[in-house]
């Protein structure tokens, strides 16, 4: 059974807890299988790389690692503050809406 994930690629999210608490970023990828997401600028790790065609110099690169979905909240586009998400049917389509303002989220 698929779990309910209210966050999609391209959404702006707020980090609830952890080392990056209080920061915001854009979702680059959602991994449904493990309930995790990759967020731009959040949870950076150092990756050691050998020289190759892509990076002839090699060295240490900073890269985003995954963060659990439960540590993220969607940022309401209208207010710019974190909000919980609900789903409702409008004209035979299921849409996400902000619990704080009640406005539809595109």
PDB file of N, CA and C in Angstrom:
ATOM      1  N   UNK A   1       0.835  -1.193   0.000  1.00  0.00           N
ATOM      2  CA  UNK A   1       0.000   0.000   0.000  1.00  0.00           C
ATOM      3  C   UNK A   1       0.876   1.251   0.000  1.00  0.00           C
ATOM      4  N   UNK A   2       0.532   2.191  -0.874  1.00  0.00           N
ATOM      5  CA  UNK A   2       1.292   3.434  -0.971  1.00  0.00           C
ATOM      6  C   UNK A   2       0.972   4.349   0.210  1.00  0.00           C
ATOM      7  N   UNK A   3       1.987   4.992   0.748  1.00  0.00           N
ATOM      8  CA  UNK A   3       1.792   5.952   1.830  1.00  0.00           C
ATOM      9  C   UNK A   3       1.427   7.301   1.243  1.00  0.00           C
ATOM     10  N   UNK A   4       0.722   8.115   2.052  1.00  0.00           N
ATOM     11  CA  UNK A   4       0.347   9.448   1.592  1.00  0.00           C
ATOM     12  C   UNK A   4       1.545  10.377   1.741  1.00  0.00           C
ATOM     13  N   UNK A   5       1.997  10.929   0.633  1.00  0.00           N
ATOM     14  CA  UNK A   5       3.072  11.914   0.649  1.00  0.00           C
ATOM     15  C   UNK A   5       2.516  13.190   0.037  1.00  0.00           C
ATOM     16  N   UNK A   6       2.491  14.261   0.826  1.00  0.00           N
ATOM     17  CA  UNK A   6       1.885  15.505   0.376  1.00  0.00           C
ATOM     18  C   UNK A   6       2.882  16.456  -0.265  1.00  0.00           C
ATOM     19  N   UNK A   7       4.139  16.037  -0.346  1.00  0.00           N
ATOM     20  CA  UNK A   7       5.178  16.899  -0.915  1.00  0.00           C
ATOM     21  C   UNK A   7       5.525  16.400  -2.310  1.00  0.00           C
ATOM     22  N   UNK A   8       5.653  17.334  -3.250  1.00  0.00           N
ATOM     23  CA  UNK A   8       5.978  16.989  -4.632  1.00  0.00           C
ATOM     24  C   UNK A   8       7.263  17.691  -5.063  1.00  0.00           C
ATOM     25  N   UNK A   9       7.824  17.223  -6.157  1.00  0.00           N
ATOM     26  CA  UNK A   9       9.007  17.843  -6.739  1.00  0.00           C
ATOM     27  C   UNK A   9       8.685  19.287  -7.110  1.00  0.00           C
ATOM     28  N   UNK A  10       9.582  20.210  -6.762  1.00  0.00           N
ATOM     29  CA  UNK A  10       9.387  21.616  -7.083  1.00  0.00           C
ATOM     30  C   UNK A  10       8.759  22.430  -5.958  1.00  0.00           C
ATOM     31  N   UNK A  11       8.210  21.766  -4.929  1.00  0.00           N
ATOM     32  CA  UNK A  11       7.628  22.479  -3.791  1.00  0.00           C
ATOM     33  C   UNK A  11       8.722  23.127  -2.954  1.00  0.00           C
ATOM     34  N   UNK A  12       8.376  24.220  -2.292  1.00  0.00           N
ATOM     35  CA  UNK A  12       9.266  24.832  -1.313  1.00  0.00           C
ATOM     36  C   UNK A  12       8.888  24.276   0.046  1.00  0.00           C
ATOM     37  N   UNK A  13       9.884  23.756   0.774  1.00  0.00           N
ATOM     38  CA  UNK A  13       9.613  23.127   2.062  1.00  0.00           C
ATOM     39  C   UNK A  13      10.425  23.773   3.174  1.00  0.00           C
ATOM     40  N   UNK A  14       9.945  23.604   4.401  1.00  0.00           N
ATOM     41  CA  UNK A  14      10.565  24.113   5.616  1.00  0.00           C
ATOM     42  C   UNK A  14      11.032  22.905   6.418  1.00  0.00           C
ATOM     43  N   UNK A  15      12.254  22.938   6.963  1.00  0.00           N
ATOM     44  CA  UNK A  15      12.791  21.815   7.734  1.00  0.00           C
ATOM     45  C   UNK A  15      12.404  22.005   9.203  1.00  0.00           C
ATOM     46  N   UNK A  16      11.653  21.016   9.750  1.00  0.00           N
ATOM     47  CA  UNK A  16      11.147  21.055  11.129  1.00  0.00           C
ATOM     48  C   UNK A  16      12.216  20.803  12.171  1.00  0.00           C
ATOM     49  N   UNK A  17      13.035  19.801  11.953  1.00  0.00           N
ATOM     50  CA  UNK A  17      13.943  19.339  12.977  1.00  0.00           C
ATOM     51  C   UNK A  17      15.276  18.916  12.394  1.00  0.00           C
ATOM     52  N   UNK A  18      16.253  18.762  13.245  1.00  0.00           N
ATOM     53  CA  UNK A  18      17.563  18.306  12.803  1.00  0.00           C
ATOM     54  C   UNK A  18      18.551  19.445  12.666  1.00  0.00           C
ATOM     55  N   UNK A  19      19.670  19.134  12.053  1.00  0.00           N
ATOM     56  CA  UNK A  19      20.770  20.088  11.903  1.00  0.00           C
ATOM     57  C   UNK A  19      20.361  21.320  11.090  1.00  0.00           C
ATOM     58  N   UNK A  20      19.468  21.136  10.130  1.00  0.00           N
ATOM     59  CA  UNK A  20      19.066  22.221   9.229  1.00  0.00           C
ATOM     60  C   UNK A  20      17.714  22.818   9.620  1.00  0.00           C
ATOM     61  N   UNK A  21      17.321  22.688  10.878  1.00  0.00           N
ATOM     62  CA  UNK A  21      16.032  23.185  11.378  1.00  0.00           C
ATOM     63  C   UNK A  21      15.886  24.684  11.097  1.00  0.00           C
ATOM     64  N   UNK A  22      14.718  25.054  10.566  1.00  0.00           N
ATOM     65  CA  UNK A  22      14.432  26.455  10.293  1.00  0.00           C
ATOM     66  C   UNK A  22      14.776  26.905   8.885  1.00  0.00           C
ATOM     67  N   UNK A  23      15.442  26.058   8.111  1.00  0.00           N
ATOM     68  CA  UNK A  23      15.833  26.445   6.758  1.00  0.00           C
ATOM     69  C   UNK A  23      14.778  26.027   5.746  1.00  0.00           C
ATOM     70  N   UNK A  24      14.777  26.694   4.598  1.00  0.00           N
ATOM     71  CA  UNK A  24      13.853  26.376   3.515  1.00  0.00           C
ATOM     72  C   UNK A  24      14.630  26.001   2.270  1.00  0.00           C
ATOM     73  N   UNK A  25      14.008  25.180   1.427  1.00  0.00           N
ATOM     74  CA  UNK A  25      14.633  24.800   0.170  1.00  0.00           C
ATOM     75  C   UNK A  25      13.612  24.223  -0.789  1.00  0.00           C
ATOM     76  N   UNK A  26      14.027  24.060  -2.044  1.00  0.00           N
ATOM     77  CA  UNK A  26      13.161  23.507  -3.078  1.00  0.00           C
ATOM     78  C   UNK A  26      13.402  22.005  -3.190  1.00  0.00           C
ATOM     79  N   UNK A  27      12.337  21.236  -3.329  1.00  0.00           N
ATOM     80  CA  UNK A  27      12.443  19.774  -3.447  1.00  0.00           C
ATOM     81  C   UNK A  27      12.927  19.435  -4.857  1.00  0.00           C
ATOM     82  N   UNK A  28      14.047  18.700  -4.927  1.00  0.00           N
ATOM     83  CA  UNK A  28      14.602  18.288  -6.211  1.00  0.00           C
ATOM     84  C   UNK A  28      14.079  16.919  -6.633  1.00  0.00           C
ATOM     85  N   UNK A  29      13.826  16.047  -5.637  1.00  0.00           N
ATOM     86  CA  UNK A  29      13.375  14.687  -5.930  1.00  0.00           C
ATOM     87  C   UNK A  29      12.677  14.113  -4.710  1.00  0.00           C
ATOM     88  N   UNK A  30      11.626  13.320  -4.931  1.00  0.00           N
ATOM     89  CA  UNK A  30      10.928  12.611  -3.857  1.00  0.00           C
ATOM     90  C   UNK A  30      11.107  11.119  -4.098  1.00  0.00           C
ATOM     91  N   UNK A  31      11.574  10.407  -3.076  1.00  0.00           N
ATOM     92  CA  UNK A  31      11.794   8.969  -3.171  1.00  0.00           C
ATOM     93  C   UNK A  31      10.711   8.290  -2.332  1.00  0.00           C
ATOM     94  N   UNK A  32       9.644   7.850  -2.996  1.00  0.00           N
ATOM     95  CA  UNK A  32       8.472   7.293  -2.311  1.00  0.00           C
ATOM     96  C   UNK A  32       8.776   5.994  -1.578  1.00  0.00           C
ATOM     97  N   UNK A  33       9.666   5.201  -2.132  1.00  0.00           N
ATOM     98  CA  UNK A  33       9.969   3.886  -1.561  1.00  0.00           C
ATOM     99  C   UNK A  33      10.482   3.985  -0.131  1.00  0.00           C
ATOM    100  N   UNK A  34      11.315   4.999   0.143  1.00  0.00           N
ATOM    101  CA  UNK A  34      11.906   5.149   1.468  1.00  0.00           C
ATOM    102  C   UNK A  34      11.383   6.368   2.225  1.00  0.00           C
ATOM    103  N   UNK A  35      10.319   7.020   1.712  1.00  0.00           N
ATOM    104  CA  UNK A  35       9.723   8.216   2.336  1.00  0.00           C
ATOM    105  C   UNK A  35      10.752   9.313   2.568  1.00  0.00           C
ATOM    106  N   UNK A  36      11.580   9.562   1.583  1.00  0.00           N
ATOM    107  CA  UNK A  36      12.631  10.570   1.723  1.00  0.00           C
ATOM    108  C   UNK A  36      12.587  11.525   0.534  1.00  0.00           C
ATOM    109  N   UNK A  37      13.232  12.681   0.709  1.00  0.00           N
ATOM    110  CA  UNK A  37      13.289  13.680  -0.360  1.00  0.00           C
ATOM    111  C   UNK A  37      14.675  14.306  -0.382  1.00  0.00           C
ATOM    112  N   UNK A  38      15.056  14.805  -1.552  1.00  0.00           N
ATOM    113  CA  UNK A  38      16.297  15.556  -1.700  1.00  0.00           C
ATOM    114  C   UNK A  38      15.898  17.020  -1.846  1.00  0.00           C
ATOM    115  N   UNK A  39      16.418  17.862  -0.938  1.00  0.00           N
ATOM    116  CA  UNK A  39      16.056  19.277  -0.910  1.00  0.00           C
ATOM    117  C   UNK A  39      17.301  20.104  -1.207  1.00  0.00           C
ATOM    118  N   UNK A  40      17.147  21.083  -2.086  1.00  0.00           N
ATOM    119  CA  UNK A  40      18.254  21.929  -2.526  1.00  0.00           C
ATOM    120  C   UNK A  40      18.867  22.684  -1.346  1.00  0.00           C
ATOM    121  N   UNK A  41      20.173  22.488  -1.131  1.00  0.00           N
ATOM    122  CA  UNK A  41      20.901  23.209  -0.084  1.00  0.00           C
ATOM    123  C   UNK A  41      20.745  22.649   1.315  1.00  0.00           C
ATOM    124  N   UNK A  42      20.015  21.556   1.484  1.00  0.00           N
ATOM    125  CA  UNK A  42      19.761  20.969   2.802  1.00  0.00           C
ATOM    126  C   UNK A  42      20.453  19.608   2.888  1.00  0.00           C
ATOM    127  N   UNK A  43      21.019  19.301   4.051  1.00  0.00           N
ATOM    128  CA  UNK A  43      21.671  18.016   4.335  1.00  0.00           C
ATOM    129  C   UNK A  43      22.838  17.758   3.373  1.00  0.00           C
ATOM    130  N   UNK A  44      23.760  18.713   3.303  1.00  0.00           N
ATOM    131  CA  UNK A  44      24.919  18.577   2.417  1.00  0.00           C
ATOM    132  C   UNK A  44      25.937  17.615   3.012  1.00  0.00           C
ATOM    133  N   UNK A  45      26.472  16.743   2.166  1.00  0.00           N
ATOM    134  CA  UNK A  45      27.516  15.808   2.570  1.00  0.00           C
ATOM    135  C   UNK A  45      28.706  15.966   1.631  1.00  0.00           C
ATOM    136  N   UNK A  46      29.891  15.584   2.099  1.00  0.00           N
ATOM    137  CA  UNK A  46      31.097  15.650   1.276  1.00  0.00           C
ATOM    138  C   UNK A  46      31.273  14.323   0.555  1.00  0.00           C
ATOM    139  N   UNK A  47      31.424  14.373  -0.757  1.00  0.00           N
ATOM    140  CA  UNK A  47      31.613  13.166  -1.549  1.00  0.00           C
ATOM    141  C   UNK A  47      32.990  13.240  -2.198  1.00  0.00           C
ATOM    142  N   UNK A  48      33.807  12.232  -1.943  1.00  0.00           N
ATOM    143  CA  UNK A  48      35.151  12.173  -2.514  1.00  0.00           C
ATOM    144  C   UNK A  48      35.063  11.520  -3.890  1.00  0.00           C
ATOM    145  N   UNK A  49      35.615  12.180  -4.898  1.00  0.00           N
ATOM    146  CA  UNK A  49      35.547  11.646  -6.259  1.00  0.00           C
ATOM    147  C   UNK A  49      36.936  11.544  -6.875  1.00  0.00           C
ATOM    148  N   UNK A  50      37.099  10.502  -7.663  1.00  0.00           N
ATOM    149  CA  UNK A  50      38.333  10.336  -8.426  1.00  0.00           C
ATOM    150  C   UNK A  50      38.226  11.167  -9.699  1.00  0.00           C
ATOM    151  N   UNK A  51      39.351  11.530 -10.282  1.00  0.00           N
ATOM    152  CA  UNK A  51      39.288  12.257 -11.557  1.00  0.00           C
ATOM    153  C   UNK A  51      38.613  11.403 -12.634  1.00  0.00           C
ATOM    154  N   UNK A  52      37.719  12.008 -13.385  1.00  0.00           N
ATOM    155  CA  UNK A  52      37.052  11.322 -14.497  1.00  0.00           C
ATOM    156  C   UNK A  52      36.711  12.358 -15.564  1.00  0.00           C
ATOM    157  N   UNK A  53      35.993  11.949 -16.607  1.00  0.00           N
ATOM    158  CA  UNK A  53      35.680  12.853 -17.711  1.00  0.00           C
ATOM    159  C   UNK A  53      34.819  14.033 -17.247  1.00  0.00           C
ATOM    160  N   UNK A  54      33.903  13.774 -16.330  1.00  0.00           N
ATOM    161  CA  UNK A  54      32.998  14.827 -15.852  1.00  0.00           C
ATOM    162  C   UNK A  54      33.728  15.851 -14.993  1.00  0.00           C
ATOM    163  N   UNK A  55      34.567  15.347 -14.067  1.00  0.00           N
ATOM    164  CA  UNK A  55      35.368  16.253 -13.231  1.00  0.00           C
ATOM    165  C   UNK A  55      36.829  15.829 -13.325  1.00  0.00           C
ATOM    166  N   UNK A  56      37.589  16.414 -14.272  1.00  0.00           N
ATOM    167  CA  UNK A  56      38.968  15.994 -14.504  1.00  0.00           C
ATOM    168  C   UNK A  56      39.866  16.211 -13.291  1.00  0.00           C
ATOM    169  N   UNK A  57      39.531  17.164 -12.438  1.00  0.00           N
ATOM    170  CA  UNK A  57      40.346  17.452 -11.260  1.00  0.00           C
ATOM    171  C   UNK A  57      40.102  16.438 -10.139  1.00  0.00           C
ATOM    172  N   UNK A  58      38.829  15.965 -10.021  1.00  0.00           N
ATOM    173  CA  UNK A  58      38.484  15.082  -8.905  1.00  0.00           C
ATOM    174  C   UNK A  58      38.363  15.910  -7.634  1.00  0.00           C
ATOM    175  N   UNK A  59      38.500  15.286  -6.471  1.00  0.00           N
ATOM    176  CA  UNK A  59      38.480  16.019  -5.210  1.00  0.00           C
ATOM    177  C   UNK A  59      37.214  15.801  -4.406  1.00  0.00           C
ATOM    178  N   UNK A  60      36.914  16.746  -3.529  1.00  0.00           N
ATOM    179  CA  UNK A  60      35.779  16.636  -2.622  1.00  0.00           C
ATOM    180  C   UNK A  60      34.653  17.545  -3.116  1.00  0.00           C
ATOM    181  N   UNK A  61      33.481  16.953  -3.345  1.00  0.00           N
ATOM    182  CA  UNK A  61      32.312  17.702  -3.799  1.00  0.00           C
ATOM    183  C   UNK A  61      31.257  17.735  -2.701  1.00  0.00           C
ATOM    184  N   UNK A  62      30.527  18.834  -2.595  1.00  0.00           N
ATOM    185  CA  UNK A  62      29.387  18.933  -1.678  1.00  0.00           C
ATOM    186  C   UNK A  62      28.137  18.518  -2.450  1.00  0.00           C
ATOM    187  N   UNK A  63      27.337  17.625  -1.844  1.00  0.00           N
ATOM    188  CA  UNK A  63      26.170  17.091  -2.518  1.00  0.00           C
ATOM    189  C   UNK A  63      25.029  16.957  -1.517  1.00  0.00           C
ATOM    190  N   UNK A  64      23.776  17.152  -1.973  1.00  0.00           N
ATOM    191  CA  UNK A  64      22.620  17.003  -1.101  1.00  0.00           C
ATOM    192  C   UNK A  64      22.329  15.526  -0.860  1.00  0.00           C
ATOM    193  N   UNK A  65      22.102  15.160   0.398  1.00  0.00           N
ATOM    194  CA  UNK A  65      21.679  13.808   0.758  1.00  0.00           C
ATOM    195  C   UNK A  65      20.180  13.853   1.054  1.00  0.00           C
ATOM    196  N   UNK A  66      19.569  12.681   1.173  1.00  0.00           N
ATOM    197  CA  UNK A  66      18.128  12.637   1.404  1.00  0.00           C
ATOM    198  C   UNK A  66      17.791  13.022   2.837  1.00  0.00           C
ATOM    199  N   UNK A  67      16.563  13.493   3.019  1.00  0.00           N
ATOM    200  CA  UNK A  67      16.038  13.836   4.338  1.00  0.00           C
ATOM    201  C   UNK A  67      14.639  13.230   4.418  1.00  0.00           C
ATOM    202  N   UNK A  68      14.252  12.757   5.604  1.00  0.00           N
ATOM    203  CA  UNK A  68      12.967  12.078   5.747  1.00  0.00           C
ATOM    204  C   UNK A  68      11.813  13.068   5.581  1.00  0.00           C
ATOM    205  N   UNK A  69      10.745  12.609   4.939  1.00  0.00           N
ATOM    206  CA  UNK A  69       9.572  13.441   4.658  1.00  0.00           C
ATOM    207  C   UNK A  69       8.956  14.005   5.941  1.00  0.00           C
ATOM    208  N   UNK A  70       9.018  13.249   7.044  1.00  0.00           N
ATOM    209  CA  UNK A  70       8.402  13.692   8.297  1.00  0.00           C
ATOM    210  C   UNK A  70       9.094  14.920   8.867  1.00  0.00           C
ATOM    211  N   UNK A  71      10.306  15.225   8.424  1.00  0.00           N
ATOM    212  CA  UNK A  71      11.039  16.389   8.906  1.00  0.00           C
ATOM    213  C   UNK A  71      10.785  17.635   8.055  1.00  0.00           C
ATOM    214  N   UNK A  72       9.879  17.523   7.093  1.00  0.00           N
ATOM    215  CA  UNK A  72       9.608  18.629   6.168  1.00  0.00           C
ATOM    216  C   UNK A  72       8.153  19.076   6.253  1.00  0.00           C
ATOM    217  N   UNK A  73       7.929  20.382   6.089  1.00  0.00           N
ATOM    218  CA  UNK A  73       6.581  20.934   5.972  1.00  0.00           C
ATOM    219  C   UNK A  73       6.537  21.809   4.730  1.00  0.00           C
ATOM    220  N   UNK A  74       5.427  21.754   4.025  1.00  0.00           N
ATOM    221  CA  UNK A  74       5.264  22.573   2.837  1.00  0.00           C
ATOM    222  C   UNK A  74       5.099  24.036   3.232  1.00  0.00           C
ATOM    223  N   UNK A  75       5.704  24.934   2.468  1.00  0.00           N
ATOM    224  CA  UNK A  75       5.561  26.374   2.718  1.00  0.00           C
ATOM    225  C   UNK A  75       4.377  26.876   1.902  1.00  0.00           C
ATOM    226  N   UNK A  76       3.441  27.544   2.585  1.00  0.00           N
ATOM    227  CA  UNK A  76       2.249  28.091   1.931  1.00  0.00           C
ATOM    228  C   UNK A  76       2.670  29.221   0.994  1.00  0.00           C
ATOM    229  N   UNK A  77       2.367  29.127  -0.314  1.00  0.00           N
ATOM    230  CA  UNK A  77       2.779  30.167  -1.256  1.00  0.00           C
ATOM    231  C   UNK A  77       2.173  31.540  -0.940  1.00  0.00           C
ATOM    232  N   UNK A  78       0.989  31.566  -0.345  1.00  0.00           N
ATOM    233  CA  UNK A  78       0.315  32.834  -0.060  1.00  0.00           C
ATOM    234  C   UNK A  78       0.972  33.584   1.102  1.00  0.00           C
ATOM    235  N   UNK A  79       1.296  32.856   2.189  1.00  0.00           N
ATOM    236  CA  UNK A  79       1.820  33.516   3.383  1.00  0.00           C
ATOM    237  C   UNK A  79       3.329  33.381   3.545  1.00  0.00           C
ATOM    238  N   UNK A  80       3.913  32.361   2.940  1.00  0.00           N
ATOM    239  CA  UNK A  80       5.350  32.130   3.078  1.00  0.00           C
ATOM    240  C   UNK A  80       5.713  31.426   4.367  1.00  0.00           C
ATOM    241  N   UNK A  81       4.707  30.894   5.080  1.00  0.00           N
ATOM    242  CA  UNK A  81       4.938  30.180   6.340  1.00  0.00           C
ATOM    243  C   UNK A  81       4.625  28.702   6.164  1.00  0.00           C
ATOM    244  N   UNK A  82       5.243  27.827   6.989  1.00  0.00           N
ATOM    245  CA  UNK A  82       4.960  26.392   6.883  1.00  0.00           C
ATOM    246  C   UNK A  82       3.507  26.085   7.241  1.00  0.00           C
ATOM    247  N   UNK A  83       2.944  25.099   6.557  1.00  0.00           N
ATOM    248  CA  UNK A  83       1.550  24.727   6.789  1.00  0.00           C
ATOM    249  C   UNK A  83       1.364  23.231   6.601  1.00  0.00           C
ATOM    250  N   UNK A  84       0.304  22.721   7.222  1.00  0.00           N
ATOM    251  CA  UNK A  84      -0.087  21.341   6.960  1.00  0.00           C
ATOM    252  C   UNK A  84      -0.931  21.320   5.691  1.00  0.00           C
ATOM    253  N   UNK A  85      -1.046  20.139   5.081  1.00  0.00           N
ATOM    254  CA  UNK A  85      -1.703  20.000   3.793  1.00  0.00           C
ATOM    255  C   UNK A  85      -2.930  19.108   3.926  1.00  0.00           C
ATOM    256  N   UNK A  86      -4.003  19.509   3.256  1.00  0.00           N
ATOM    257  CA  UNK A  86      -5.192  18.671   3.153  1.00  0.00           C
ATOM    258  C   UNK A  86      -5.472  18.412   1.690  1.00  0.00           C
ATOM    259  N   UNK A  87      -6.358  17.452   1.430  1.00  0.00           N
ATOM    260  CA  UNK A  87      -6.750  17.162   0.050  1.00  0.00           C
ATOM    261  C   UNK A  87      -8.265  17.186  -0.031  1.00  0.00           C
ATOM    262  N   UNK A  88      -8.800  17.779  -1.111  1.00  0.00           N
ATOM    263  CA  UNK A  88     -10.247  17.795  -1.319  1.00  0.00           C
ATOM    264  C   UNK A  88     -10.536  17.735  -2.812  1.00  0.00           C
ATOM    265  N   UNK A  89     -11.773  17.365  -3.132  1.00  0.00           N
ATOM    266  CA  UNK A  89     -12.181  17.227  -4.523  1.00  0.00           C
ATOM    267  C   UNK A  89     -12.877  18.508  -4.965  1.00  0.00           C
ATOM    268  N   UNK A  90     -12.357  19.100  -6.038  1.00  0.00           N
ATOM    269  CA  UNK A  90     -12.969  20.276  -6.647  1.00  0.00           C
ATOM    270  C   UNK A  90     -13.176  19.969  -8.125  1.00  0.00           C
ATOM    271  N   UNK A  91     -14.424  19.982  -8.578  1.00  0.00           N
ATOM    272  CA  UNK A  91     -14.766  19.695  -9.981  1.00  0.00           C
ATOM    273  C   UNK A  91     -14.152  18.386 -10.461  1.00  0.00           C
ATOM    274  N   UNK A  92     -14.343  17.329  -9.696  1.00  0.00           N
ATOM    275  CA  UNK A  92     -13.889  15.969 -10.029  1.00  0.00           C
ATOM    276  C   UNK A  92     -12.375  15.803 -10.091  1.00  0.00           C
ATOM    277  N   UNK A  93     -11.602  16.735  -9.493  1.00  0.00           N
ATOM    278  CA  UNK A  93     -10.153  16.560  -9.410  1.00  0.00           C
ATOM    279  C   UNK A  93      -9.706  16.728  -7.964  1.00  0.00           C
ATOM    280  N   UNK A  94      -8.759  15.924  -7.545  1.00  0.00           N
ATOM    281  CA  UNK A  94      -8.231  15.974  -6.192  1.00  0.00           C
ATOM    282  C   UNK A  94      -7.139  17.045  -6.131  1.00  0.00           C
ATOM    283  N   UNK A  95      -7.301  18.032  -5.234  1.00  0.00           N
ATOM    284  CA  UNK A  95      -6.331  19.117  -5.129  1.00  0.00           C
ATOM    285  C   UNK A  95      -5.817  19.233  -3.699  1.00  0.00           C
ATOM    286  N   UNK A  96      -4.587  19.749  -3.567  1.00  0.00           N
ATOM    287  CA  UNK A  96      -4.014  20.008  -2.248  1.00  0.00           C
ATOM    288  C   UNK A  96      -4.415  21.408  -1.815  1.00  0.00           C
ATOM    289  N   UNK A  97      -4.643  21.577  -0.506  1.00  0.00           N
ATOM    290  CA  UNK A  97      -4.946  22.911  -0.002  1.00  0.00           C
ATOM    291  C   UNK A  97      -4.252  23.123   1.333  1.00  0.00           C
ATOM    292  N   UNK A  98      -4.012  24.385   1.655  1.00  0.00           N
ATOM    293  CA  UNK A  98      -3.351  24.764   2.896  1.00  0.00           C
ATOM    294  C   UNK A  98      -4.351  24.710   4.036  1.00  0.00           C
ATOM    295  N   UNK A  99      -3.975  24.063   5.151  1.00  0.00           N
ATOM    296  CA  UNK A  99      -4.869  23.968   6.304  1.00  0.00           C
ATOM    297  C   UNK A  99      -5.006  25.307   7.012  1.00  0.00           C
ATOM    298  N   UNK A 100      -3.993  26.176   6.927  1.00  0.00           N
ATOM    299  CA  UNK A 100      -4.042  27.458   7.633  1.00  0.00           C
ATOM    300  C   UNK A 100      -4.897  28.488   6.888  1.00  0.00           C
ATOM    301  N   UNK A 101      -4.722  28.606   5.577  1.00  0.00           N
ATOM    302  CA  UNK A 101      -5.465  29.615   4.829  1.00  0.00           C
ATOM    303  C   UNK A 101      -6.645  29.031   4.066  1.00  0.00           C
ATOM    304  N   UNK A 102      -6.620  27.733   3.808  1.00  0.00           N
ATOM    305  CA  UNK A 102      -7.697  27.102   3.044  1.00  0.00           C
ATOM    306  C   UNK A 102      -7.567  27.269   1.537  1.00  0.00           C
ATOM    307  N   UNK A 103      -6.480  27.919   1.097  1.00  0.00           N
ATOM    308  CA  UNK A 103      -6.287  28.150  -0.338  1.00  0.00           C
ATOM    309  C   UNK A 103      -5.698  26.929  -1.023  1.00  0.00           C
ATOM    310  N   UNK A 104      -6.046  26.771  -2.289  1.00  0.00           N
ATOM    311  CA  UNK A 104      -5.548  25.664  -3.105  1.00  0.00           C
ATOM    312  C   UNK A 104      -4.064  25.861  -3.407  1.00  0.00           C
ATOM    313  N   UNK A 105      -3.303  24.763  -3.387  1.00  0.00           N
ATOM    314  CA  UNK A 105      -1.868  24.798  -3.708  1.00  0.00           C
ATOM    315  C   UNK A 105      -1.666  24.161  -5.058  1.00  0.00           C
ATOM    316  N   UNK A 106      -1.048  24.893  -5.953  1.00  0.00           N
ATOM    317  CA  UNK A 106      -0.833  24.396  -7.323  1.00  0.00           C
ATOM    318  C   UNK A 106       0.307  23.415  -7.357  1.00  0.00           C
TER     319      UNK A 106
END
